[in-house]
């Protein structure tokens, strides 16, 4: 099984995956990365300020193979 490294930048706080994890394929790693971003924004949603998260996936060679950005802005009138 291939090993992928999922790095997350949430509100300009970078967490670099130094260990990686084995996934069936890149699609499985992508689902994990997106779920992590959703959870981060869900937890931070309570304060009502804008939030952003970026998740990137590197393969075993260190090559970037996926990147996703998610932002949330709440406008209350």
N, C-alpha and C. Protein backbone atom coordinates (compact mmCIF):
# COMPACT_ATOMS: atom_id res chain seq x y z
N UNK A 1 0.84 -1.18 0.00
CA UNK A 1 0.00 0.00 0.00
C UNK A 1 0.89 1.25 0.00
N UNK A 2 0.48 2.24 -0.76
CA UNK A 2 1.29 3.47 -0.79
C UNK A 2 1.16 4.28 0.49
N UNK A 3 2.23 4.98 0.83
CA UNK A 3 2.25 5.85 2.01
C UNK A 3 2.13 7.29 1.54
N UNK A 4 1.23 8.01 2.20
CA UNK A 4 1.02 9.42 1.90
C UNK A 4 1.17 10.24 3.18
N UNK A 5 1.54 11.49 3.02
CA UNK A 5 1.75 12.41 4.12
C UNK A 5 0.77 13.56 3.95
N UNK A 6 -0.08 13.78 4.94
CA UNK A 6 -1.11 14.80 4.85
C UNK A 6 -0.72 15.97 5.75
N UNK A 7 -0.44 17.10 5.12
CA UNK A 7 -0.10 18.32 5.84
C UNK A 7 -1.33 19.22 5.88
N UNK A 8 -1.54 19.89 7.01
CA UNK A 8 -2.71 20.76 7.16
C UNK A 8 -2.26 22.13 7.65
N UNK A 9 -2.76 23.16 6.99
CA UNK A 9 -2.54 24.54 7.42
C UNK A 9 -3.91 25.10 7.76
N UNK A 10 -4.16 25.31 9.04
CA UNK A 10 -5.44 25.85 9.49
C UNK A 10 -5.22 27.22 10.10
N UNK A 11 -5.78 28.22 9.47
CA UNK A 11 -5.64 29.60 9.94
C UNK A 11 -4.18 29.95 10.17
N UNK A 12 -3.35 29.60 9.20
CA UNK A 12 -1.92 29.92 9.18
C UNK A 12 -1.11 29.19 10.26
N UNK A 13 -1.63 28.07 10.73
CA UNK A 13 -0.88 27.21 11.65
C UNK A 13 -0.66 25.87 10.93
N UNK A 14 0.57 25.66 10.51
CA UNK A 14 0.92 24.49 9.72
C UNK A 14 1.23 23.28 10.60
N UNK A 15 0.64 22.16 10.24
CA UNK A 15 0.97 20.88 10.86
C UNK A 15 1.49 19.98 9.75
N UNK A 16 2.76 19.64 9.84
CA UNK A 16 3.40 18.80 8.82
C UNK A 16 3.40 17.36 9.29
N UNK A 17 2.92 16.48 8.44
CA UNK A 17 2.87 15.05 8.74
C UNK A 17 4.26 14.45 8.50
N UNK A 18 4.94 14.11 9.56
CA UNK A 18 6.29 13.55 9.45
C UNK A 18 6.29 12.03 9.32
N UNK A 19 5.19 11.38 9.74
CA UNK A 19 5.15 9.92 9.75
C UNK A 19 4.44 9.32 8.54
N UNK A 20 3.41 9.99 8.08
CA UNK A 20 2.63 9.46 6.97
C UNK A 20 1.75 8.30 7.41
N UNK A 21 0.96 7.83 6.48
CA UNK A 21 0.07 6.69 6.74
C UNK A 21 -0.12 5.93 5.43
N UNK A 22 -0.38 4.65 5.57
CA UNK A 22 -0.63 3.81 4.40
C UNK A 22 -2.10 3.92 4.02
N UNK A 23 -2.35 4.16 2.75
CA UNK A 23 -3.71 4.24 2.22
C UNK A 23 -3.82 3.30 1.03
N UNK A 24 -5.02 2.84 0.78
CA UNK A 24 -5.26 1.96 -0.36
C UNK A 24 -4.82 2.62 -1.66
N UNK A 25 -5.12 3.93 -1.77
CA UNK A 25 -4.76 4.69 -2.97
C UNK A 25 -4.84 6.18 -2.65
N UNK A 26 -4.55 7.02 -3.63
CA UNK A 26 -4.58 8.47 -3.43
C UNK A 26 -5.98 8.94 -3.09
N UNK A 27 -6.99 8.37 -3.70
CA UNK A 27 -8.37 8.77 -3.42
C UNK A 27 -8.72 8.58 -1.94
N UNK A 28 -8.27 7.51 -1.35
CA UNK A 28 -8.53 7.27 0.08
C UNK A 28 -7.81 8.32 0.93
N UNK A 29 -6.61 8.69 0.55
CA UNK A 29 -5.88 9.73 1.27
C UNK A 29 -6.58 11.08 1.11
N UNK A 30 -7.11 11.36 -0.07
CA UNK A 30 -7.83 12.61 -0.31
C UNK A 30 -9.06 12.70 0.59
N UNK A 31 -9.79 11.62 0.71
CA UNK A 31 -10.98 11.62 1.58
C UNK A 31 -10.60 11.91 3.02
N UNK A 32 -9.50 11.35 3.48
CA UNK A 32 -9.03 11.60 4.85
C UNK A 32 -8.63 13.06 5.02
N UNK A 33 -7.95 13.62 4.04
CA UNK A 33 -7.51 15.02 4.11
C UNK A 33 -8.71 15.96 4.15
N UNK A 34 -9.71 15.71 3.33
CA UNK A 34 -10.90 16.56 3.29
C UNK A 34 -11.70 16.44 4.59
N UNK A 35 -11.80 15.25 5.13
CA UNK A 35 -12.51 15.06 6.40
C UNK A 35 -11.81 15.82 7.53
N UNK A 36 -10.50 15.83 7.52
CA UNK A 36 -9.74 16.56 8.55
C UNK A 36 -10.01 18.06 8.44
N UNK A 37 -10.05 18.58 7.23
CA UNK A 37 -10.33 20.00 7.03
C UNK A 37 -11.73 20.36 7.51
N UNK A 38 -12.69 19.52 7.20
CA UNK A 38 -14.07 19.76 7.65
C UNK A 38 -14.13 19.82 9.17
N UNK A 39 -13.48 18.91 9.83
CA UNK A 39 -13.51 18.85 11.29
C UNK A 39 -12.84 20.08 11.90
N UNK A 40 -11.73 20.50 11.35
CA UNK A 40 -11.05 21.69 11.85
C UNK A 40 -11.97 22.90 11.77
N UNK A 41 -12.62 23.10 10.63
CA UNK A 41 -13.49 24.26 10.48
C UNK A 41 -14.74 24.13 11.35
N UNK A 42 -15.24 22.94 11.54
CA UNK A 42 -16.42 22.73 12.39
C UNK A 42 -16.10 23.15 13.83
N UNK A 43 -14.94 22.77 14.32
CA UNK A 43 -14.54 23.10 15.68
C UNK A 43 -14.38 24.60 15.84
N UNK A 44 -13.85 25.27 14.84
CA UNK A 44 -13.57 26.71 14.94
C UNK A 44 -14.77 27.58 14.56
N UNK A 45 -15.82 26.98 14.07
CA UNK A 45 -16.99 27.72 13.61
C UNK A 45 -17.63 28.54 14.71
N UNK A 46 -17.53 28.14 15.94
CA UNK A 46 -18.26 28.75 17.03
C UNK A 46 -17.92 30.22 17.27
N UNK A 47 -16.76 30.69 16.88
CA UNK A 47 -16.42 32.09 17.17
C UNK A 47 -16.89 33.08 16.11
N UNK A 48 -17.37 32.58 14.97
CA UNK A 48 -17.96 33.46 13.95
C UNK A 48 -16.98 34.22 13.08
N UNK A 49 -15.68 34.07 13.28
CA UNK A 49 -14.71 34.78 12.45
C UNK A 49 -14.35 33.95 11.22
N UNK A 50 -13.77 34.59 10.19
CA UNK A 50 -13.40 33.83 8.99
C UNK A 50 -12.32 32.79 9.31
N UNK A 51 -12.41 31.69 8.63
CA UNK A 51 -11.43 30.62 8.81
C UNK A 51 -11.07 30.03 7.46
N UNK A 52 -9.87 29.49 7.38
CA UNK A 52 -9.41 28.84 6.15
C UNK A 52 -8.54 27.65 6.52
N UNK A 53 -8.61 26.64 5.69
CA UNK A 53 -7.77 25.46 5.88
C UNK A 53 -7.28 25.00 4.51
N UNK A 54 -6.04 24.58 4.48
CA UNK A 54 -5.45 23.99 3.28
C UNK A 54 -4.89 22.64 3.67
N UNK A 55 -5.16 21.67 2.85
CA UNK A 55 -4.63 20.34 3.08
C UNK A 55 -3.84 19.93 1.84
N UNK A 56 -2.65 19.43 2.06
CA UNK A 56 -1.85 18.96 0.93
C UNK A 56 -1.35 17.55 1.23
N UNK A 57 -1.20 16.80 0.18
CA UNK A 57 -0.76 15.41 0.31
C UNK A 57 0.53 15.24 -0.48
N UNK A 58 1.51 14.66 0.19
CA UNK A 58 2.78 14.31 -0.46
C UNK A 58 2.88 12.79 -0.56
N UNK A 59 3.52 12.33 -1.61
CA UNK A 59 3.76 10.90 -1.74
C UNK A 59 5.08 10.54 -1.05
N UNK A 60 5.47 9.29 -1.14
CA UNK A 60 6.69 8.82 -0.46
C UNK A 60 7.96 9.51 -0.97
N UNK A 61 7.91 10.02 -2.18
CA UNK A 61 9.07 10.72 -2.75
C UNK A 61 9.07 12.20 -2.33
N UNK A 62 8.04 12.63 -1.60
CA UNK A 62 7.95 14.02 -1.17
C UNK A 62 7.30 14.93 -2.18
N UNK A 63 6.78 14.36 -3.26
CA UNK A 63 6.13 15.15 -4.31
C UNK A 63 4.70 15.50 -3.91
N UNK A 64 4.30 16.74 -4.14
CA UNK A 64 2.93 17.17 -3.89
C UNK A 64 2.01 16.50 -4.91
N UNK A 65 1.01 15.77 -4.43
CA UNK A 65 0.10 15.07 -5.34
C UNK A 65 -1.34 15.53 -5.22
N UNK A 66 -1.62 16.38 -4.21
CA UNK A 66 -2.99 16.87 -4.01
C UNK A 66 -2.95 18.08 -3.10
N UNK A 67 -3.82 19.05 -3.41
CA UNK A 67 -3.98 20.20 -2.52
C UNK A 67 -5.42 20.68 -2.60
N UNK A 68 -5.98 20.99 -1.45
CA UNK A 68 -7.35 21.51 -1.39
C UNK A 68 -7.39 22.66 -0.41
N UNK A 69 -8.19 23.67 -0.75
CA UNK A 69 -8.39 24.83 0.11
C UNK A 69 -9.86 24.93 0.46
N UNK A 70 -10.13 25.25 1.71
CA UNK A 70 -11.50 25.41 2.18
C UNK A 70 -11.55 26.66 3.04
N UNK A 71 -12.49 27.56 2.74
CA UNK A 71 -12.61 28.76 3.56
C UNK A 71 -14.06 28.94 3.98
N UNK A 72 -14.22 29.61 5.11
CA UNK A 72 -15.54 29.82 5.67
C UNK A 72 -15.61 31.25 6.18
N UNK A 73 -16.61 31.98 5.68
CA UNK A 73 -16.87 33.32 6.17
C UNK A 73 -18.36 33.38 6.50
N UNK A 74 -18.66 33.87 7.67
CA UNK A 74 -20.05 33.98 8.10
C UNK A 74 -20.45 35.45 8.05
N UNK A 75 -21.50 35.73 7.33
CA UNK A 75 -22.03 37.10 7.26
C UNK A 75 -23.42 37.09 7.88
N UNK A 76 -23.58 37.84 8.93
CA UNK A 76 -24.88 37.94 9.58
C UNK A 76 -25.37 39.37 9.45
N UNK A 77 -26.57 39.52 8.92
CA UNK A 77 -27.15 40.85 8.75
C UNK A 77 -28.23 41.07 9.77
